[in-house]
């Protein structure tokens, strides 16, 4: 089936999504939801508390540039695999440390090789 790319992407509020071999055009998360409850109940979206907007889930960004423009996301490479000279997984877009962990999960933050707990700010930060 032909991807509805041109018509869909010419609309700034829309994006092409693929489900199996099917492509369809839908509104972007930030134009579909205006509250955290509805946003978080959509498996393709996540709520951005500081900006009070609904965003596409990080792992659904298909490129480094798309990932980097989303304030909740980061482009990551498994540095532990690099250090151990293992077969490297593909880089991926994942949620930033500060949105993954909070004060009750600070130990998990410190156990994540990409993150570090900052006692002064009370925020899990990317290293």
Foldseek 3Di string as FASTA:
>chain_A
DDAPQPVQVVDVQWDWDDDPNDIDIDGFQQVPDQAQVVLVVDPQWHADVVVSGIHGAFQPDDDQVVLVVDPQKHWDWPVVCVVVVHPTDDIGIHGFQQVVDFLVCQVVLCVDPQWHQDPVVRGIHGD
